[in-house]
């Protein structure tokens, strides 16, 4: 917590940009500090990848995955954007990391553990 506010990191596929934006608003209005993704590579920020070599794309994706785990380190918990129950491999690794580091894990849609 910072100043009495929980810090929540949003996790999920960047294809769900609208759901990310809605969750960010909702959680903020509930009195949380919300940390989100830096770009939406699957829904709106495709120009980021244009002209990049395959090697650079791979390195950038690894950096972004690691950076998101550092965001989880800063947080009290994560909020998983799992539209239609979808959770991809990167998000699964973030959930596992959050659990391993004792963070609270909440889901947009009810999830069986």
N, C-alpha and C. Protein backbone atom coordinates (compact mmCIF):
# COMPACT_ATOMS: atom_id res chain seq x y z
N UNK A 1 0.84 -1.19 0.00
CA UNK A 1 0.00 0.00 0.00
C UNK A 1 0.88 1.25 0.00
N UNK A 2 0.34 2.25 -0.62
CA UNK A 2 1.00 3.55 -0.64
C UNK A 2 -0.03 4.58 -0.20
N UNK A 3 0.24 5.25 0.88
CA UNK A 3 -0.68 6.27 1.35
C UNK A 3 -2.08 5.76 1.61
N UNK A 4 -2.19 4.50 1.99
CA UNK A 4 -3.50 3.92 2.26
C UNK A 4 -4.20 3.34 1.03
N UNK A 5 -3.57 3.42 -0.12
CA UNK A 5 -4.16 2.90 -1.35
C UNK A 5 -3.47 1.60 -1.76
N UNK A 6 -4.26 0.59 -2.11
CA UNK A 6 -3.69 -0.63 -2.67
C UNK A 6 -3.16 -0.33 -4.07
N UNK A 7 -2.07 -0.99 -4.43
CA UNK A 7 -1.51 -0.88 -5.77
C UNK A 7 -1.82 -2.18 -6.51
N UNK A 8 -2.50 -2.04 -7.63
CA UNK A 8 -2.94 -3.19 -8.41
C UNK A 8 -2.34 -3.11 -9.81
N UNK A 9 -1.75 -4.21 -10.29
CA UNK A 9 -1.25 -4.29 -11.65
C UNK A 9 -2.23 -5.10 -12.48
N UNK A 10 -2.59 -4.55 -13.64
CA UNK A 10 -3.46 -5.25 -14.56
C UNK A 10 -2.64 -6.22 -15.40
N UNK A 11 -3.15 -7.43 -15.57
CA UNK A 11 -2.49 -8.46 -16.37
C UNK A 11 -3.52 -9.05 -17.32
N UNK A 12 -3.08 -9.46 -18.49
CA UNK A 12 -3.97 -10.10 -19.45
C UNK A 12 -3.49 -9.84 -20.86
N UNK A 13 -4.19 -10.43 -21.81
CA UNK A 13 -3.83 -10.25 -23.21
C UNK A 13 -4.13 -8.82 -23.63
N UNK A 14 -3.17 -8.23 -24.35
CA UNK A 14 -3.36 -6.86 -24.81
C UNK A 14 -4.39 -6.76 -25.93
N UNK A 15 -4.94 -7.89 -26.36
CA UNK A 15 -6.03 -7.84 -27.35
C UNK A 15 -7.31 -7.28 -26.72
N UNK A 16 -7.35 -7.25 -25.38
CA UNK A 16 -8.54 -6.79 -24.66
C UNK A 16 -8.39 -5.36 -24.17
N UNK A 17 -7.97 -4.47 -25.05
CA UNK A 17 -7.69 -3.08 -24.68
C UNK A 17 -8.89 -2.42 -24.00
N UNK A 18 -10.08 -2.58 -24.54
CA UNK A 18 -11.26 -1.94 -23.95
C UNK A 18 -11.51 -2.44 -22.53
N UNK A 19 -11.32 -3.74 -22.30
CA UNK A 19 -11.50 -4.30 -20.96
C UNK A 19 -10.44 -3.77 -20.00
N UNK A 20 -9.21 -3.58 -20.48
CA UNK A 20 -8.15 -2.99 -19.66
C UNK A 20 -8.56 -1.58 -19.23
N UNK A 21 -9.04 -0.79 -20.18
CA UNK A 21 -9.39 0.60 -19.89
C UNK A 21 -10.55 0.66 -18.90
N UNK A 22 -11.53 -0.21 -19.07
CA UNK A 22 -12.68 -0.23 -18.16
C UNK A 22 -12.26 -0.66 -16.76
N UNK A 23 -11.42 -1.70 -16.66
CA UNK A 23 -10.95 -2.16 -15.35
C UNK A 23 -10.11 -1.09 -14.67
N UNK A 24 -9.29 -0.39 -15.44
CA UNK A 24 -8.48 0.69 -14.87
C UNK A 24 -9.36 1.75 -14.24
N UNK A 25 -10.41 2.15 -14.95
CA UNK A 25 -11.34 3.17 -14.41
C UNK A 25 -12.02 2.66 -13.15
N UNK A 26 -12.56 1.45 -13.23
CA UNK A 26 -13.31 0.87 -12.11
C UNK A 26 -12.44 0.75 -10.86
N UNK A 27 -11.25 0.16 -11.03
CA UNK A 27 -10.36 -0.03 -9.89
C UNK A 27 -9.88 1.29 -9.31
N UNK A 28 -9.66 2.28 -10.17
CA UNK A 28 -9.26 3.61 -9.69
C UNK A 28 -10.37 4.23 -8.86
N UNK A 29 -11.60 4.13 -9.36
CA UNK A 29 -12.73 4.69 -8.63
C UNK A 29 -12.99 3.96 -7.31
N UNK A 30 -12.54 2.72 -7.22
CA UNK A 30 -12.64 1.96 -5.96
C UNK A 30 -11.54 2.36 -4.97
N UNK A 31 -10.63 3.25 -5.40
CA UNK A 31 -9.59 3.74 -4.50
C UNK A 31 -8.27 3.01 -4.58
N UNK A 32 -7.96 2.46 -5.74
CA UNK A 32 -6.69 1.76 -5.96
C UNK A 32 -5.78 2.58 -6.87
N UNK A 33 -4.48 2.41 -6.68
CA UNK A 33 -3.50 2.90 -7.65
C UNK A 33 -3.34 1.78 -8.66
N UNK A 34 -3.56 2.08 -9.93
CA UNK A 34 -3.56 1.05 -10.97
C UNK A 34 -2.34 1.20 -11.88
N UNK A 35 -1.63 0.10 -12.07
CA UNK A 35 -0.52 0.03 -13.01
C UNK A 35 -0.97 -0.86 -14.16
N UNK A 36 -0.77 -0.39 -15.37
CA UNK A 36 -1.25 -1.14 -16.53
C UNK A 36 -0.08 -1.46 -17.46
N UNK A 37 -0.42 -1.97 -18.62
CA UNK A 37 0.59 -2.27 -19.64
C UNK A 37 1.06 -0.96 -20.27
N UNK A 38 2.24 -0.98 -20.83
CA UNK A 38 2.79 0.21 -21.45
C UNK A 38 2.34 0.42 -22.88
N UNK A 39 1.91 -0.67 -23.53
CA UNK A 39 1.40 -0.58 -24.89
C UNK A 39 0.48 -1.77 -25.16
N UNK A 40 -0.35 -1.62 -26.16
CA UNK A 40 -1.29 -2.67 -26.53
C UNK A 40 -0.87 -3.25 -27.88
N UNK A 41 0.10 -4.14 -27.84
CA UNK A 41 0.68 -4.71 -29.04
C UNK A 41 -0.28 -5.51 -29.89
N UNK A 42 -1.34 -6.04 -29.30
CA UNK A 42 -2.30 -6.84 -30.05
C UNK A 42 -3.55 -6.05 -30.45
N UNK A 43 -3.65 -4.81 -30.02
CA UNK A 43 -4.87 -4.07 -30.36
C UNK A 43 -4.63 -2.56 -30.35
N UNK A 44 -3.86 -2.11 -31.29
CA UNK A 44 -3.76 -0.66 -31.43
C UNK A 44 -2.37 -0.09 -31.48
N UNK A 45 -1.36 -0.80 -31.03
CA UNK A 45 -0.01 -0.26 -31.05
C UNK A 45 0.89 -1.06 -31.99
N UNK A 46 0.31 -1.55 -33.08
CA UNK A 46 1.07 -2.41 -33.99
C UNK A 46 2.25 -1.69 -34.64
N UNK A 47 2.18 -0.34 -34.71
CA UNK A 47 3.28 0.41 -35.32
C UNK A 47 4.58 0.25 -34.55
N UNK A 48 4.48 -0.14 -33.29
CA UNK A 48 5.68 -0.34 -32.47
C UNK A 48 6.57 -1.41 -33.10
N UNK A 49 5.94 -2.43 -33.67
CA UNK A 49 6.70 -3.56 -34.18
C UNK A 49 7.14 -3.38 -35.63
N UNK A 50 6.55 -2.42 -36.34
CA UNK A 50 6.86 -2.21 -37.75
C UNK A 50 8.32 -1.84 -37.94
N UNK A 51 8.96 -2.53 -38.85
CA UNK A 51 10.35 -2.23 -39.18
C UNK A 51 11.38 -2.83 -38.23
N UNK A 52 10.93 -3.48 -37.16
CA UNK A 52 11.87 -4.11 -36.22
C UNK A 52 12.32 -5.46 -36.78
N UNK A 53 13.59 -5.74 -36.59
CA UNK A 53 14.08 -7.07 -36.97
C UNK A 53 13.48 -8.10 -36.01
N UNK A 54 13.44 -9.35 -36.44
CA UNK A 54 12.87 -10.41 -35.60
C UNK A 54 13.62 -10.52 -34.28
N UNK A 55 14.94 -10.34 -34.32
CA UNK A 55 15.75 -10.39 -33.11
C UNK A 55 15.37 -9.27 -32.14
N UNK A 56 15.17 -8.08 -32.67
CA UNK A 56 14.78 -6.94 -31.84
C UNK A 56 13.39 -7.13 -31.26
N UNK A 57 12.46 -7.67 -32.06
CA UNK A 57 11.11 -7.96 -31.57
C UNK A 57 11.18 -8.93 -30.40
N UNK A 58 11.96 -9.99 -30.55
CA UNK A 58 12.10 -11.00 -29.49
C UNK A 58 12.67 -10.37 -28.22
N UNK A 59 13.73 -9.58 -28.36
CA UNK A 59 14.34 -8.92 -27.19
C UNK A 59 13.38 -7.94 -26.53
N UNK A 60 12.63 -7.22 -27.34
CA UNK A 60 11.68 -6.24 -26.80
C UNK A 60 10.56 -6.95 -26.04
N UNK A 61 10.05 -8.04 -26.59
CA UNK A 61 8.99 -8.79 -25.91
C UNK A 61 9.50 -9.36 -24.58
N UNK A 62 10.73 -9.84 -24.56
CA UNK A 62 11.32 -10.35 -23.31
C UNK A 62 11.44 -9.22 -22.28
N UNK A 63 11.88 -8.04 -22.74
CA UNK A 63 12.00 -6.90 -21.85
C UNK A 63 10.63 -6.52 -21.28
N UNK A 64 9.61 -6.47 -22.14
CA UNK A 64 8.28 -6.10 -21.68
C UNK A 64 7.72 -7.11 -20.69
N UNK A 65 7.97 -8.41 -20.93
CA UNK A 65 7.53 -9.44 -19.98
C UNK A 65 8.21 -9.26 -18.62
N UNK A 66 9.52 -9.01 -18.66
CA UNK A 66 10.26 -8.80 -17.40
C UNK A 66 9.79 -7.52 -16.71
N UNK A 67 9.58 -6.48 -17.47
CA UNK A 67 9.14 -5.21 -16.91
C UNK A 67 7.78 -5.36 -16.22
N UNK A 68 6.91 -6.19 -16.81
CA UNK A 68 5.60 -6.38 -16.20
C UNK A 68 5.72 -7.11 -14.86
N UNK A 69 6.68 -8.01 -14.76
CA UNK A 69 6.90 -8.68 -13.47
C UNK A 69 7.44 -7.69 -12.44
N UNK A 70 8.24 -6.73 -12.86
CA UNK A 70 8.71 -5.70 -11.94
C UNK A 70 7.53 -4.83 -11.47
N UNK A 71 6.56 -4.60 -12.36
CA UNK A 71 5.34 -3.89 -11.95
C UNK A 71 4.61 -4.68 -10.88
N UNK A 72 4.56 -6.00 -11.05
CA UNK A 72 3.94 -6.87 -10.04
C UNK A 72 4.69 -6.74 -8.72
N UNK A 73 6.02 -6.66 -8.78
CA UNK A 73 6.83 -6.48 -7.56
C UNK A 73 6.39 -5.23 -6.79
N UNK A 74 6.02 -4.18 -7.51
CA UNK A 74 5.62 -2.92 -6.89
C UNK A 74 4.20 -2.96 -6.32
N UNK A 75 3.46 -4.02 -6.65
CA UNK A 75 2.03 -4.07 -6.36
C UNK A 75 1.68 -4.90 -5.14
N UNK A 76 0.47 -4.65 -4.64
CA UNK A 76 -0.12 -5.49 -3.59
C UNK A 76 -0.79 -6.70 -4.21
N UNK A 77 -1.19 -6.57 -5.46
CA UNK A 77 -1.87 -7.67 -6.12
C UNK A 77 -2.03 -7.40 -7.60
N UNK A 78 -2.61 -8.40 -8.30
CA UNK A 78 -2.87 -8.25 -9.72
C UNK A 78 -4.36 -8.44 -9.98
N UNK A 79 -4.81 -7.87 -11.08
CA UNK A 79 -6.18 -8.03 -11.54
C UNK A 79 -6.07 -8.56 -12.96
N UNK A 80 -6.57 -9.77 -13.17
CA UNK A 80 -6.41 -10.45 -14.45
C UNK A 80 -7.59 -10.14 -15.35
N UNK A 81 -7.29 -9.61 -16.53
CA UNK A 81 -8.30 -9.33 -17.55
C UNK A 81 -8.43 -10.61 -18.37
N UNK A 82 -9.41 -11.44 -18.02
CA UNK A 82 -9.58 -12.76 -18.65
C UNK A 82 -10.92 -12.83 -19.38
N UNK A 83 -11.07 -11.98 -20.37
CA UNK A 83 -12.32 -11.90 -21.14
C UNK A 83 -12.62 -13.27 -21.76
N UNK A 84 -13.84 -13.75 -21.55
CA UNK A 84 -14.24 -15.05 -22.07
C UNK A 84 -13.46 -16.19 -21.45
N UNK A 85 -12.80 -15.93 -20.32
CA UNK A 85 -11.99 -16.95 -19.65
C UNK A 85 -10.60 -17.12 -20.24
N UNK A 86 -10.26 -16.31 -21.25
CA UNK A 86 -8.97 -16.47 -21.93
C UNK A 86 -7.81 -15.99 -21.06
N UNK A 87 -6.83 -16.88 -20.89
CA UNK A 87 -5.57 -16.54 -20.22
C UNK A 87 -4.46 -17.18 -21.03
N UNK A 88 -3.62 -16.34 -21.63
CA UNK A 88 -2.51 -16.82 -22.45
C UNK A 88 -1.29 -17.18 -21.62
N UNK A 89 -0.26 -17.65 -22.27
CA UNK A 89 0.92 -18.15 -21.56
C UNK A 89 1.65 -17.05 -20.79
N UNK A 90 1.76 -15.84 -21.33
CA UNK A 90 2.42 -14.75 -20.60
C UNK A 90 1.65 -14.40 -19.34
N UNK A 91 0.33 -14.33 -19.47
CA UNK A 91 -0.50 -14.01 -18.31
C UNK A 91 -0.43 -15.13 -17.27
N UNK A 92 -0.40 -16.38 -17.73
CA UNK A 92 -0.25 -17.50 -16.78
C UNK A 92 1.05 -17.38 -15.98
N UNK A 93 2.11 -16.97 -16.67
CA UNK A 93 3.39 -16.82 -15.96
C UNK A 93 3.32 -15.66 -14.97
N UNK A 94 2.59 -14.60 -15.30
CA UNK A 94 2.43 -13.48 -14.37
C UNK A 94 1.60 -13.89 -13.16
N UNK A 95 0.56 -14.68 -13.38
CA UNK A 95 -0.26 -15.18 -12.26
C UNK A 95 0.60 -16.05 -11.34
N UNK A 96 1.37 -16.96 -11.93
CA UNK A 96 2.24 -17.82 -11.13
C UNK A 96 3.25 -16.99 -10.35
N UNK A 97 3.82 -15.98 -10.99
CA UNK A 97 4.79 -15.11 -10.33
C UNK A 97 4.13 -14.35 -9.18
N UNK A 98 2.95 -13.82 -9.42
CA UNK A 98 2.24 -13.08 -8.36
C UNK A 98 1.95 -13.99 -7.17
N UNK A 99 1.48 -15.18 -7.43
CA UNK A 99 1.19 -16.12 -6.34
C UNK A 99 2.46 -16.49 -5.59
N UNK A 100 3.54 -16.74 -6.33
CA UNK A 100 4.82 -17.14 -5.71
C UNK A 100 5.40 -16.03 -4.83
N UNK A 101 5.05 -14.78 -5.14
CA UNK A 101 5.57 -13.66 -4.36
C UNK A 101 4.53 -13.13 -3.37
N UNK A 102 3.47 -13.91 -3.14
CA UNK A 102 2.49 -13.58 -2.10
C UNK A 102 1.52 -12.47 -2.44
N UNK A 103 1.32 -12.21 -3.72
CA UNK A 103 0.40 -11.13 -4.13
C UNK A 103 -1.03 -11.67 -4.25
N UNK A 104 -1.99 -10.80 -3.98
CA UNK A 104 -3.39 -11.14 -4.18
C UNK A 104 -3.66 -11.23 -5.68
N UNK A 105 -4.46 -12.21 -6.09
CA UNK A 105 -4.82 -12.38 -7.49
C UNK A 105 -6.35 -12.33 -7.62
N UNK A 106 -6.82 -11.36 -8.39
CA UNK A 106 -8.25 -11.23 -8.66
C UNK A 106 -8.46 -11.32 -10.16
N UNK A 107 -9.69 -11.68 -10.56
CA UNK A 107 -10.01 -11.88 -11.97
C UNK A 107 -11.22 -11.05 -12.38
N UNK A 108 -11.21 -10.59 -13.62
CA UNK A 108 -12.37 -9.92 -14.18
C UNK A 108 -13.55 -10.89 -14.21
N UNK A 109 -13.32 -12.08 -14.73
CA UNK A 109 -14.35 -13.11 -14.80
C UNK A 109 -13.98 -14.24 -13.85
N UNK A 110 -14.97 -14.77 -13.17
CA UNK A 110 -14.74 -15.84 -12.20
C UNK A 110 -13.88 -16.93 -12.82
N UNK A 111 -12.89 -17.37 -12.06
CA UNK A 111 -11.91 -18.35 -12.55
C UNK A 111 -11.82 -19.48 -11.55
N UNK A 112 -11.88 -20.72 -12.05
CA UNK A 112 -11.67 -21.86 -11.16
C UNK A 112 -10.18 -22.07 -11.00
N UNK A 113 -9.74 -22.19 -9.78
CA UNK A 113 -8.30 -22.34 -9.50
C UNK A 113 -7.89 -23.79 -9.51
